[in-house]
Amino acid sequence: MAPRANWKGFLRLSLVTCPVALYPATSESEKISFNQLNRQTGHRIKYLKVDADTGDEVPNEDIVKGYQLEKDQFIEVTKEELEEIALESTRTIEIDEFVDKRDIDPRYLIRPYYIRPDGKVGHDAFAVIRETIREMNKVAIGRVVLTNREHIIALEPMDKGLVGTLLRYPYEVRSEAEYFDEIQDVKVTKDMLDLAKHIVNQKAGRFEPEKFEDHYETALIDLINQKRAGKPITPKSKPAATNVVDLMEALRRSVGKEAAPAKGPKPAKKPKKASAGQKEMLMPIEGKKLKEAAAKKPAARPQRKSA
């Protein structure tokens, strides 16, 4: 079953409209998360919403939004007032224009969402919009309101649905000049480039996300399992920093390193971790594997008694 929709409304291209639902395309719920504890008691830390002056706890119904003009001076804005200025994009993703994908600066990308028809009606109109974007080989640009803010959204076809990627506004993207201006102008020789290109060719491949493992997440799981088992934690030695003196020599060594065949047998591949399996690694069920093995093992045949 698909997760709960983050947004429901309409997708509109001129006079063609269909009801759609928008779902998050990514999740971080499978990652290890920590609670904050009181070191003295081991109890969890609880956060309360309190009045900054009186220190009294404030119930949710008495909390309103406020914009700070200056110190200790705020303009209160109620939920009803925010609803009154609701934009059309609160309920409708209006496609404003179509652009080439290469025209979208990657700095503007925020996060992706899956978009599909909502309910049993509107599938025909959804298919027309989806296939038009696909045939034109363009990205549709529209607007949508999420978490009380209007966002630009880029729509692309994926299989039978659409992927909508939220985009930043120009004022949210910092200029690269303040970071890059102090980089020295360096003349790179042809020999250096040739060696570097050779390294790139040796490392060339296809991007396959499943090949990559979250090493930090794996280390966290190992750490928690070791502490749970009462094993001592020994800090790992950190790699020593190297000072590159001769860049050409470093490139030559890199070429030799990449070209050298791996020594010894290849390590066994680690089994892929399913999102639901991570909890099992941290909280193994006692005897589960033994029970499964016993269930699969055929019963021993009774031995015949000799006459």
C-alpha atoms as a PDB file:
ATOM      1  CA  MET A   1       0.000   0.000   0.000  1.00  0.00           C
ATOM      2  CA  ALA A   2       1.331   3.443  -0.965  1.00  0.00           C
ATOM      3  CA  PRO A   3       2.108   5.870   1.877  1.00  0.00           C
ATOM      4  CA  ARG A   4      -0.240   8.672   2.793  1.00  0.00           C
ATOM      5  CA  ALA A   5      -0.419  11.515   0.263  1.00  0.00           C
ATOM      6  CA  ASN A   6       1.301  14.767   1.213  1.00  0.00           C
ATOM      7  CA  TRP A   7      -0.999  16.777  -1.023  1.00  0.00           C
ATOM      8  CA  LYS A   8      -4.181  16.254  -3.037  1.00  0.00           C
ATOM      9  CA  GLY A   9      -5.592  18.580  -5.657  1.00  0.00           C
ATOM     10  CA  PHE A  10      -5.690  19.026  -9.427  1.00  0.00           C
ATOM     11  CA  LEU A  11      -3.156  19.008 -12.230  1.00  0.00           C
ATOM     12  CA  ARG A  12      -4.083  21.409 -15.030  1.00  0.00           C
ATOM     13  CA  LEU A  13      -2.710  22.005 -18.502  1.00  0.00           C
ATOM     14  CA  SER A  14      -4.775  24.816 -20.056  1.00  0.00           C
ATOM     15  CA  LEU A  15      -8.345  23.414 -20.008  1.00  0.00           C
ATOM     16  CA  VAL A  16      -7.307  19.792 -19.311  1.00  0.00           C
ATOM     17  CA  THR A  17      -7.667  19.018 -15.591  1.00  0.00           C
ATOM     18  CA  CYS A  18      -7.440  15.860 -13.489  1.00  0.00           C
ATOM     19  CA  PRO A  19      -7.385  15.085  -9.745  1.00  0.00           C
ATOM     20  CA  VAL A  20      -3.950  13.980  -8.510  1.00  0.00           C
ATOM     21  CA  ALA A  21      -2.180  12.991  -5.311  1.00  0.00           C
ATOM     22  CA  LEU A  22       1.425  13.779  -4.438  1.00  0.00           C
ATOM     23  CA  TYR A  23       3.591  11.356  -2.434  1.00  0.00           C
ATOM     24  CA  PRO A  24       7.170  11.671  -1.121  1.00  0.00           C
ATOM     25  CA  ALA A  25       9.577   9.766  -3.382  1.00  0.00           C
ATOM     26  CA  THR A  26      12.296   9.440  -0.722  1.00  0.00           C
ATOM     27  CA  SER A  27      12.419   8.393   2.921  1.00  0.00           C
ATOM     28  CA  GLU A  28      14.933   8.521   5.745  1.00  0.00           C
ATOM     29  CA  SER A  29      12.818   6.625   8.286  1.00  0.00           C
ATOM     30  CA  GLU A  30      15.034   3.541   7.859  1.00  0.00           C
ATOM     31  CA  LYS A  31      18.127   5.371   9.100  1.00  0.00           C
ATOM     32  CA  ILE A  32      19.354   4.936  12.662  1.00  0.00           C
ATOM     33  CA  SER A  33      17.968   7.690  14.897  1.00  0.00           C
ATOM     34  CA  PHE A  34      18.874   8.601  18.481  1.00  0.00           C
ATOM     35  CA  ASN A  35      16.972   9.984  21.436  1.00  0.00           C
ATOM     36  CA  GLN A  36      18.468  12.503  23.849  1.00  0.00           C
ATOM     37  CA  LEU A  37      18.911  11.157  27.380  1.00  0.00           C
ATOM     38  CA  ASN A  38      19.736  12.526  30.803  1.00  0.00           C
ATOM     39  CA  ARG A  39      23.231  11.159  31.493  1.00  0.00           C
ATOM     40  CA  GLN A  40      22.506  11.038  35.260  1.00  0.00           C
ATOM     41  CA  THR A  41      19.163   9.162  35.158  1.00  0.00           C
ATOM     42  CA  GLY A  42      19.059   7.591  31.690  1.00  0.00           C
ATOM     43  CA  HIS A  43      15.604   9.126  31.144  1.00  0.00           C
ATOM     44  CA  ARG A  44      14.569  10.660  27.817  1.00  0.00           C
ATOM     45  CA  ILE A  45      14.654  14.422  27.420  1.00  0.00           C
ATOM     46  CA  LYS A  46      11.239  16.001  26.877  1.00  0.00           C
ATOM     47  CA  TYR A  47      10.769  19.371  25.215  1.00  0.00           C
ATOM     48  CA  LEU A  48       8.019  21.701  26.381  1.00  0.00           C
ATOM     49  CA  LYS A  49       6.661  24.865  24.782  1.00  0.00           C
ATOM     50  CA  VAL A  50       7.006  27.510  27.469  1.00  0.00           C
ATOM     51  CA  ASP A  51       6.535  31.254  27.733  1.00  0.00           C
ATOM     52  CA  ALA A  52       9.989  32.834  27.396  1.00  0.00           C
ATOM     53  CA  ASP A  53       9.277  35.316  30.220  1.00  0.00           C
ATOM     54  CA  THR A  54       7.093  33.443  32.714  1.00  0.00           C
ATOM     55  CA  GLY A  55       8.483  29.946  32.083  1.00  0.00           C
ATOM     56  CA  ASP A  56       4.933  28.539  32.129  1.00  0.00           C
ATOM     57  CA  GLU A  57       4.000  25.782  29.658  1.00  0.00           C
ATOM     58  CA  VAL A  58       1.698  27.045  26.858  1.00  0.00           C
ATOM     59  CA  PRO A  59      -1.023  24.756  25.373  1.00  0.00           C
ATOM     60  CA  ASN A  60      -1.086  24.386  21.576  1.00  0.00           C
ATOM     61  CA  GLU A  61      -4.436  26.197  21.235  1.00  0.00           C
ATOM     62  CA  ASP A  62      -2.887  29.353  22.709  1.00  0.00           C
ATOM     63  CA  ILE A  63       0.103  29.411  20.359  1.00  0.00           C
ATOM     64  CA  VAL A  64      -0.072  31.676  17.294  1.00  0.00           C
ATOM     65  CA  LYS A  65       2.436  32.634  14.617  1.00  0.00           C
ATOM     66  CA  GLY A  66       4.262  35.925  14.861  1.00  0.00           C
ATOM     67  CA  TYR A  67       6.660  37.905  12.685  1.00  0.00           C
ATOM     68  CA  GLN A  68       9.406  39.725  14.581  1.00  0.00           C
ATOM     69  CA  LEU A  69       9.744  43.392  13.662  1.00  0.00           C
ATOM     70  CA  GLU A  70      12.412  44.128  16.251  1.00  0.00           C
ATOM     71  CA  LYS A  71      13.412  42.819  19.657  1.00  0.00           C
ATOM     72  CA  ASP A  72      10.326  41.909  21.731  1.00  0.00           C
ATOM     73  CA  GLN A  73       7.983  43.322  19.076  1.00  0.00           C
ATOM     74  CA  PHE A  74       5.946  40.903  16.966  1.00  0.00           C
ATOM     75  CA  ILE A  75       3.016  41.001  14.550  1.00  0.00           C
ATOM     76  CA  GLU A  76       0.627  38.130  15.223  1.00  0.00           C
ATOM     77  CA  VAL A  77      -0.795  36.246  12.245  1.00  0.00           C
ATOM     78  CA  THR A  78      -3.682  33.821  12.786  1.00  0.00           C
ATOM     79  CA  LYS A  79      -4.388  30.571  10.935  1.00  0.00           C
ATOM     80  CA  GLU A  80      -7.579  32.090   9.517  1.00  0.00           C
ATOM     81  CA  GLU A  81      -5.677  35.053   8.085  1.00  0.00           C
ATOM     82  CA  LEU A  82      -3.215  32.711   6.389  1.00  0.00           C
ATOM     83  CA  GLU A  83      -6.093  30.733   4.874  1.00  0.00           C
ATOM     84  CA  GLU A  84      -7.638  33.926   3.488  1.00  0.00           C
ATOM     85  CA  ILE A  85      -4.557  34.639   1.373  1.00  0.00           C
ATOM     86  CA  ALA A  86      -4.503  31.045   0.038  1.00  0.00           C
ATOM     87  CA  LEU A  87      -3.262  30.929  -3.549  1.00  0.00           C
ATOM     88  CA  GLU A  88      -4.788  28.956  -6.371  1.00  0.00           C
ATOM     89  CA  SER A  89      -1.740  26.668  -6.228  1.00  0.00           C
ATOM     90  CA  THR A  90      -2.983  25.510  -2.806  1.00  0.00           C
ATOM     91  CA  ARG A  91      -5.346  23.152  -4.636  1.00  0.00           C
ATOM     92  CA  THR A  92      -4.098  23.168  -8.228  1.00  0.00           C
ATOM     93  CA  ILE A  93      -0.771  22.523  -9.945  1.00  0.00           C
ATOM     94  CA  GLU A  94      -1.029  24.835 -12.942  1.00  0.00           C
ATOM     95  CA  ILE A  95       1.521  24.056 -15.669  1.00  0.00           C
ATOM     96  CA  ASP A  96       2.940  27.432 -16.690  1.00  0.00           C
ATOM     97  CA  GLU A  97       5.630  26.482 -19.203  1.00  0.00           C
ATOM     98  CA  PHE A  98       7.801  23.728 -20.688  1.00  0.00           C
ATOM     99  CA  VAL A  99      11.601  23.866 -20.581  1.00  0.00           C
ATOM    100  CA  ASP A 100      14.600  21.701 -21.467  1.00  0.00           C
ATOM    101  CA  LYS A 101      15.877  19.662 -18.532  1.00  0.00           C
ATOM    102  CA  ARG A 102      19.439  20.866 -19.102  1.00  0.00           C
ATOM    103  CA  ASP A 103      18.251  24.437 -18.441  1.00  0.00           C
ATOM    104  CA  ILE A 104      17.479  23.618 -14.781  1.00  0.00           C
ATOM    105  CA  ASP A 105      20.501  24.373 -12.601  1.00  0.00           C
ATOM    106  CA  PRO A 106      20.995  21.433 -10.170  1.00  0.00           C
ATOM    107  CA  ARG A 107      21.372  23.926  -7.306  1.00  0.00           C
ATOM    108  CA  TYR A 108      17.657  24.644  -7.620  1.00  0.00           C
ATOM    109  CA  LEU A 109      16.605  21.017  -6.995  1.00  0.00           C
ATOM    110  CA  ILE A 110      15.126  20.287  -3.544  1.00  0.00           C
ATOM    111  CA  ARG A 111      13.349  16.910  -3.349  1.00  0.00           C
ATOM    112  CA  PRO A 112      11.257  14.610  -5.552  1.00  0.00           C
ATOM    113  CA  TYR A 113       7.638  13.485  -5.248  1.00  0.00           C
ATOM    114  CA  TYR A 114       5.567  10.869  -7.059  1.00  0.00           C
ATOM    115  CA  ILE A 115       2.350  12.123  -8.664  1.00  0.00           C
ATOM    116  CA  ARG A 116      -0.493   9.845  -9.720  1.00  0.00           C
ATOM    117  CA  PRO A 117      -4.234  10.170 -10.445  1.00  0.00           C
ATOM    118  CA  ASP A 118      -6.350  10.458  -7.313  1.00  0.00           C
ATOM    119  CA  GLY A 119      -9.271   8.071  -7.422  1.00  0.00           C
ATOM    120  CA  LYS A 120     -10.869   6.299 -10.376  1.00  0.00           C
ATOM    121  CA  VAL A 121     -11.587   9.380 -12.492  1.00  0.00           C
ATOM    122  CA  GLY A 122      -9.189  11.541 -14.450  1.00  0.00           C
ATOM    123  CA  HIS A 123      -6.846   8.785 -15.662  1.00  0.00           C
ATOM    124  CA  ASP A 124      -7.422   9.729 -19.304  1.00  0.00           C
ATOM    125  CA  ALA A 125      -6.589  13.399 -18.732  1.00  0.00           C
ATOM    126  CA  PHE A 126      -3.571  12.416 -16.620  1.00  0.00           C
ATOM    127  CA  ALA A 127      -2.311  10.168 -19.430  1.00  0.00           C
ATOM    128  CA  VAL A 128      -2.709  12.976 -21.993  1.00  0.00           C
ATOM    129  CA  ILE A 129      -0.636  15.378 -19.861  1.00  0.00           C
ATOM    130  CA  ARG A 130       1.989  12.716 -19.081  1.00  0.00           C
ATOM    131  CA  GLU A 131       2.429  11.551 -22.671  1.00  0.00           C
ATOM    132  CA  THR A 132       2.532  15.123 -23.992  1.00  0.00           C
ATOM    133  CA  ILE A 133       5.453  15.897 -21.669  1.00  0.00           C
ATOM    134  CA  ARG A 134       7.113  12.618 -22.704  1.00  0.00           C
ATOM    135  CA  GLU A 135       6.681  13.146 -26.457  1.00  0.00           C
ATOM    136  CA  MET A 136       7.907  16.730 -26.313  1.00  0.00           C
ATOM    137  CA  ASN A 137      10.945  15.618 -24.253  1.00  0.00           C
ATOM    138  CA  LYS A 138      10.433  18.605 -21.990  1.00  0.00           C
ATOM    139  CA  VAL A 139      10.032  19.343 -18.292  1.00  0.00           C
ATOM    140  CA  ALA A 140       6.754  20.943 -17.231  1.00  0.00           C
ATOM    141  CA  ILE A 141       7.064  23.809 -14.742  1.00  0.00           C
ATOM    142  CA  GLY A 142       4.222  24.603 -12.352  1.00  0.00           C
ATOM    143  CA  ARG A 143       3.499  25.819  -8.821  1.00  0.00           C
ATOM    144  CA  VAL A 144       2.227  24.009  -5.735  1.00  0.00           C
ATOM    145  CA  VAL A 145       1.652  24.959  -2.082  1.00  0.00           C
ATOM    146  CA  LEU A 146       3.212  22.584   0.458  1.00  0.00           C
ATOM    147  CA  THR A 147       3.670  23.281   4.187  1.00  0.00           C
ATOM    148  CA  ASN A 148       2.015  26.695   3.758  1.00  0.00           C
ATOM    149  CA  ARG A 149       4.569  27.870   1.200  1.00  0.00           C
ATOM    150  CA  GLU A 150       4.320  28.054  -2.583  1.00  0.00           C
ATOM    151  CA  HIS A 151       6.999  26.117  -4.456  1.00  0.00           C
ATOM    152  CA  ILE A 152       8.029  25.799  -8.075  1.00  0.00           C
ATOM    153  CA  ILE A 153       7.665  22.191  -9.203  1.00  0.00           C
ATOM    154  CA  ALA A 154       9.224  20.476 -12.244  1.00  0.00           C
ATOM    155  CA  LEU A 155       7.194  17.589 -13.685  1.00  0.00           C
ATOM    156  CA  GLU A 156       8.668  14.679 -15.665  1.00  0.00           C
ATOM    157  CA  PRO A 157       7.107  11.377 -16.777  1.00  0.00           C
ATOM    158  CA  MET A 158       8.228   8.175 -15.063  1.00  0.00           C
ATOM    159  CA  ASP A 159       6.688   4.894 -16.133  1.00  0.00           C
ATOM    160  CA  LYS A 160       2.890   5.348 -15.714  1.00  0.00           C
ATOM    161  CA  GLY A 161       3.175   8.340 -13.391  1.00  0.00           C
ATOM    162  CA  LEU A 162       4.959  11.649 -12.952  1.00  0.00           C
ATOM    163  CA  VAL A 163       7.877  12.752 -10.817  1.00  0.00           C
ATOM    164  CA  GLY A 164       7.576  16.273  -9.451  1.00  0.00           C
ATOM    165  CA  THR A 165      10.742  17.898  -8.113  1.00  0.00           C
ATOM    166  CA  LEU A 166      10.431  20.975  -5.913  1.00  0.00           C
ATOM    167  CA  LEU A 167      12.681  23.844  -6.997  1.00  0.00           C
ATOM    168  CA  ARG A 168      14.200  26.726  -5.061  1.00  0.00           C
ATOM    169  CA  TYR A 169      13.576  30.368  -5.843  1.00  0.00           C
ATOM    170  CA  PRO A 170      16.536  32.486  -7.030  1.00  0.00           C
ATOM    171  CA  TYR A 171      16.780  34.306  -3.686  1.00  0.00           C
ATOM    172  CA  GLU A 172      17.364  30.911  -1.990  1.00  0.00           C
ATOM    173  CA  VAL A 173      20.464  30.102  -4.077  1.00  0.00           C
ATOM    174  CA  ARG A 174      23.722  31.724  -3.001  1.00  0.00           C
ATOM    175  CA  SER A 175      26.062  33.200  -5.564  1.00  0.00           C
ATOM    176  CA  GLU A 176      29.154  31.119  -6.277  1.00  0.00           C
ATOM    177  CA  ALA A 177      31.302  34.250  -6.646  1.00  0.00           C
ATOM    178  CA  GLU A 178      31.785  34.787  -2.901  1.00  0.00           C
ATOM    179  CA  TYR A 179      33.192  31.246  -2.625  1.00  0.00           C
ATOM    180  CA  PHE A 180      35.162  30.886  -5.866  1.00  0.00           C
ATOM    181  CA  ASP A 181      36.751  34.317  -6.272  1.00  0.00           C
ATOM    182  CA  GLU A 182      39.772  33.435  -4.136  1.00  0.00           C
ATOM    183  CA  ILE A 183      40.594  30.236  -6.052  1.00  0.00           C
ATOM    184  CA  GLN A 184      43.921  30.733  -7.785  1.00  0.00           C
ATOM    185  CA  ASP A 185      44.155  30.612 -11.582  1.00  0.00           C
ATOM    186  CA  VAL A 186      46.305  27.545 -12.248  1.00  0.00           C
ATOM    187  CA  LYS A 187      47.575  26.407 -15.632  1.00  0.00           C
ATOM    188  CA  VAL A 188      47.131  22.631 -15.890  1.00  0.00           C
ATOM    189  CA  THR A 189      49.630  21.002 -18.251  1.00  0.00           C
ATOM    190  CA  LYS A 190      48.627  18.513 -20.945  1.00  0.00           C
ATOM    191  CA  ASP A 191      50.657  15.739 -19.286  1.00  0.00           C
ATOM    192  CA  MET A 192      48.747  16.182 -16.032  1.00  0.00           C
ATOM    193  CA  LEU A 193      45.415  16.173 -17.840  1.00  0.00           C
ATOM    194  CA  ASP A 194      46.330  13.034 -19.792  1.00  0.00           C
ATOM    195  CA  LEU A 195      47.252  11.175 -16.602  1.00  0.00           C
ATOM    196  CA  ALA A 196      44.083  12.359 -14.839  1.00  0.00           C
ATOM    197  CA  LYS A 197      41.941  11.323 -17.838  1.00  0.00           C
ATOM    198  CA  HIS A 198      43.568   7.887 -17.747  1.00  0.00           C
ATOM    199  CA  ILE A 199      42.513   7.492 -14.100  1.00  0.00           C
ATOM    200  CA  VAL A 200      38.968   8.555 -15.002  1.00  0.00           C
ATOM    201  CA  ASN A 201      38.797   6.000 -17.832  1.00  0.00           C
ATOM    202  CA  GLN A 202      39.948   3.251 -15.471  1.00  0.00           C
ATOM    203  CA  LYS A 203      37.184   4.188 -13.010  1.00  0.00           C
ATOM    204  CA  ALA A 204      34.471   4.702 -15.643  1.00  0.00           C
ATOM    205  CA  GLY A 205      31.182   2.851 -15.170  1.00  0.00           C
ATOM    206  CA  ARG A 206      27.395   3.163 -14.964  1.00  0.00           C
ATOM    207  CA  PHE A 207      25.698   4.737 -11.990  1.00  0.00           C
ATOM    208  CA  GLU A 208      23.992   1.885 -10.138  1.00  0.00           C
ATOM    209  CA  PRO A 209      22.765   3.086  -6.702  1.00  0.00           C
ATOM    210  CA  GLU A 210      22.451  -0.468  -5.357  1.00  0.00           C
ATOM    211  CA  LYS A 211      26.250  -0.862  -5.552  1.00  0.00           C
ATOM    212  CA  PHE A 212      26.742   1.789  -2.886  1.00  0.00           C
ATOM    213  CA  GLU A 213      26.533   1.051   0.815  1.00  0.00           C
ATOM    214  CA  ASP A 214      25.949   3.562   3.585  1.00  0.00           C
ATOM    215  CA  HIS A 215      29.155   2.800   5.501  1.00  0.00           C
ATOM    216  CA  TYR A 216      28.301   5.165   8.339  1.00  0.00           C
ATOM    217  CA  GLU A 217      24.906   3.502   8.844  1.00  0.00           C
ATOM    218  CA  THR A 218      26.595   0.084   8.873  1.00  0.00           C
ATOM    219  CA  ALA A 219      29.136   1.331  11.418  1.00  0.00           C
ATOM    220  CA  LEU A 220      26.309   2.642  13.622  1.00  0.00           C
ATOM    221  CA  ILE A 221      24.593  -0.756  13.551  1.00  0.00           C
ATOM    222  CA  ASP A 222      27.870  -2.493  14.472  1.00  0.00           C
ATOM    223  CA  LEU A 223      28.477  -0.017  17.292  1.00  0.00           C
ATOM    224  CA  ILE A 224      24.999  -0.516  18.781  1.00  0.00           C
ATOM    225  CA  ASN A 225      25.240  -4.308  18.488  1.00  0.00           C
ATOM    226  CA  GLN A 226      28.666  -4.321  20.163  1.00  0.00           C
ATOM    227  CA  LYS A 227      27.451  -2.131  23.027  1.00  0.00           C
ATOM    228  CA  ARG A 228      24.353  -4.277  23.404  1.00  0.00           C
ATOM    229  CA  ALA A 229      26.526  -7.390  23.632  1.00  0.00           C
ATOM    230  CA  GLY A 230      28.728  -5.704  26.246  1.00  0.00           C
ATOM    231  CA  LYS A 231      31.808  -5.788  24.062  1.00  0.00           C
ATOM    232  CA  PRO A 232      34.526  -3.145  24.534  1.00  0.00           C
ATOM    233  CA  ILE A 233      34.605  -0.384  21.932  1.00  0.00           C
ATOM    234  CA  THR A 234      38.061   0.152  20.465  1.00  0.00           C
ATOM    235  CA  PRO A 235      38.572   3.348  18.435  1.00  0.00           C
ATOM    236  CA  LYS A 236      39.725   2.796  14.886  1.00  0.00           C
ATOM    237  CA  SER A 237      42.977   4.366  13.754  1.00  0.00           C
ATOM    238  CA  LYS A 238      42.482   7.405  11.549  1.00  0.00           C
ATOM    239  CA  PRO A 239      44.271   7.552   8.196  1.00  0.00           C
ATOM    240  CA  ALA A 240      47.357   9.726   8.281  1.00  0.00           C
ATOM    241  CA  ALA A 241      47.199  12.976   6.325  1.00  0.00           C
ATOM    242  CA  THR A 242      49.454  13.009   3.285  1.00  0.00           C
ATOM    243  CA  ASN A 243      51.167  16.072   1.926  1.00  0.00           C
ATOM    244  CA  VAL A 244      51.309  16.024  -1.882  1.00  0.00           C
ATOM    245  CA  VAL A 245      54.584  17.570  -2.951  1.00  0.00           C
ATOM    246  CA  ASP A 246      54.962  16.337  -6.517  1.00  0.00           C
ATOM    247  CA  LEU A 247      51.582  16.346  -8.269  1.00  0.00           C
ATOM    248  CA  MET A 248      52.879  14.555 -11.386  1.00  0.00           C
ATOM    249  CA  GLU A 249      54.344  11.765  -9.244  1.00  0.00           C
ATOM    250  CA  ALA A 250      51.062  11.448  -7.357  1.00  0.00           C
ATOM    251  CA  LEU A 251      49.169  11.124 -10.660  1.00  0.00           C
ATOM    252  CA  ARG A 252      51.597   8.477 -11.947  1.00  0.00           C
ATOM    253  CA  ARG A 253      51.237   6.480  -8.745  1.00  0.00           C
ATOM    254  CA  SER A 254      47.450   6.778  -8.985  1.00  0.00           C
ATOM    255  CA  VAL A 255      47.522   5.359 -12.516  1.00  0.00           C
ATOM    256  CA  GLY A 256      49.631   2.424 -11.300  1.00  0.00           C
ATOM    257  CA  LYS A 257      47.370   1.847  -8.326  1.00  0.00           C
ATOM    258  CA  GLU A 258      44.206   1.749 -10.413  1.00  0.00           C
ATOM    259  CA  ALA A 259      45.801  -0.532 -13.017  1.00  0.00           C
ATOM    260  CA  ALA A 260      47.217  -3.035 -10.477  1.00  0.00           C
ATOM    261  CA  PRO A 261      45.082  -6.179 -10.123  1.00  0.00           C
ATOM    262  CA  ALA A 262      43.517  -6.865  -6.760  1.00  0.00           C
ATOM    263  CA  LYS A 263      45.482  -9.329  -4.649  1.00  0.00           C
ATOM    264  CA  GLY A 264      43.917 -12.274  -2.903  1.00  0.00           C
ATOM    265  CA  PRO A 265      40.374 -13.616  -3.109  1.00  0.00           C
ATOM    266  CA  LYS A 266      37.499 -11.202  -3.468  1.00  0.00           C
ATOM    267  CA  PRO A 267      35.582 -10.634  -0.249  1.00  0.00           C
ATOM    268  CA  ALA A 268      32.139 -12.144  -0.084  1.00  0.00           C
ATOM    269  CA  LYS A 269      29.374  -9.748  -0.997  1.00  0.00           C
ATOM    270  CA  LYS A 270      27.306  -8.530   1.903  1.00  0.00           C
ATOM    271  CA  PRO A 271      23.622  -9.343   1.650  1.00  0.00           C
ATOM    272  CA  LYS A 272      21.412  -6.428   0.749  1.00  0.00           C
ATOM    273  CA  LYS A 273      19.696  -4.875   3.720  1.00  0.00           C
ATOM    274  CA  ALA A 274      15.976  -4.405   3.441  1.00  0.00           C
ATOM    275  CA  SER A 275      14.511  -1.449   5.242  1.00  0.00           C
ATOM    276  CA  ALA A 276      12.480  -3.740   7.478  1.00  0.00           C
ATOM    277  CA  GLY A 277      15.528  -5.918   8.132  1.00  0.00           C
ATOM    278  CA  GLN A 278      17.519  -3.189   9.802  1.00  0.00           C
ATOM    279  CA  LYS A 279      15.502  -3.396  13.010  1.00  0.00           C
ATOM    280  CA  GLU A 280      16.038  -7.139  13.035  1.00  0.00           C
ATOM    281  CA  MET A 281      19.811  -6.566  12.992  1.00  0.00           C
ATOM    282  CA  LEU A 282      19.498  -4.392  16.069  1.00  0.00           C
ATOM    283  CA  MET A 283      16.856  -6.504  17.778  1.00  0.00           C
ATOM    284  CA  PRO A 284      17.436 -10.113  16.666  1.00  0.00           C
ATOM    285  CA  ILE A 285      14.682 -12.577  17.573  1.00  0.00           C
ATOM    286  CA  GLU A 286      16.166 -15.320  19.690  1.00  0.00           C
ATOM    287  CA  GLY A 287      16.080 -18.696  17.997  1.00  0.00           C
ATOM    288  CA  LYS A 288      14.436 -17.424  14.816  1.00  0.00           C
ATOM    289  CA  LYS A 289      17.071 -18.798  12.472  1.00  0.00           C
ATOM    290  CA  LEU A 290      17.245 -22.067  14.382  1.00  0.00           C
ATOM    291  CA  LYS A 291      13.489 -22.505  14.151  1.00  0.00           C
ATOM    292  CA  GLU A 292      13.501 -21.748  10.430  1.00  0.00           C
ATOM    293  CA  ALA A 293      16.322 -24.230   9.862  1.00  0.00           C
ATOM    294  CA  ALA A 294      14.487 -26.880  11.869  1.00  0.00           C
ATOM    295  CA  ALA A 295      11.312 -26.318   9.873  1.00  0.00           C
ATOM    296  CA  LYS A 296      13.145 -26.750   6.562  1.00  0.00           C
ATOM    297  CA  LYS A 297      15.143 -29.828   7.685  1.00  0.00           C
ATOM    298  CA  PRO A 298      13.337 -33.071   6.745  1.00  0.00           C
ATOM    299  CA  ALA A 299      12.448 -35.438   9.584  1.00  0.00           C
ATOM    300  CA  ALA A 300      14.918 -38.272  10.118  1.00  0.00           C
ATOM    301  CA  ARG A 301      13.724 -41.660   8.946  1.00  0.00           C
ATOM    302  CA  PRO A 302      13.248 -44.209  11.763  1.00  0.00           C
ATOM    303  CA  GLN A 303      15.924 -46.915  11.719  1.00  0.00           C
ATOM    304  CA  ARG A 304      14.749 -50.455  11.232  1.00  0.00           C
ATOM    305  CA  LYS A 305      15.540 -52.830  14.016  1.00  0.00           C
ATOM    306  CA  SER A 306      17.589 -55.773  12.963  1.00  0.00           C
ATOM    307  CA  ALA A 307      16.016 -59.216  13.498  1.00  0.00           C
END
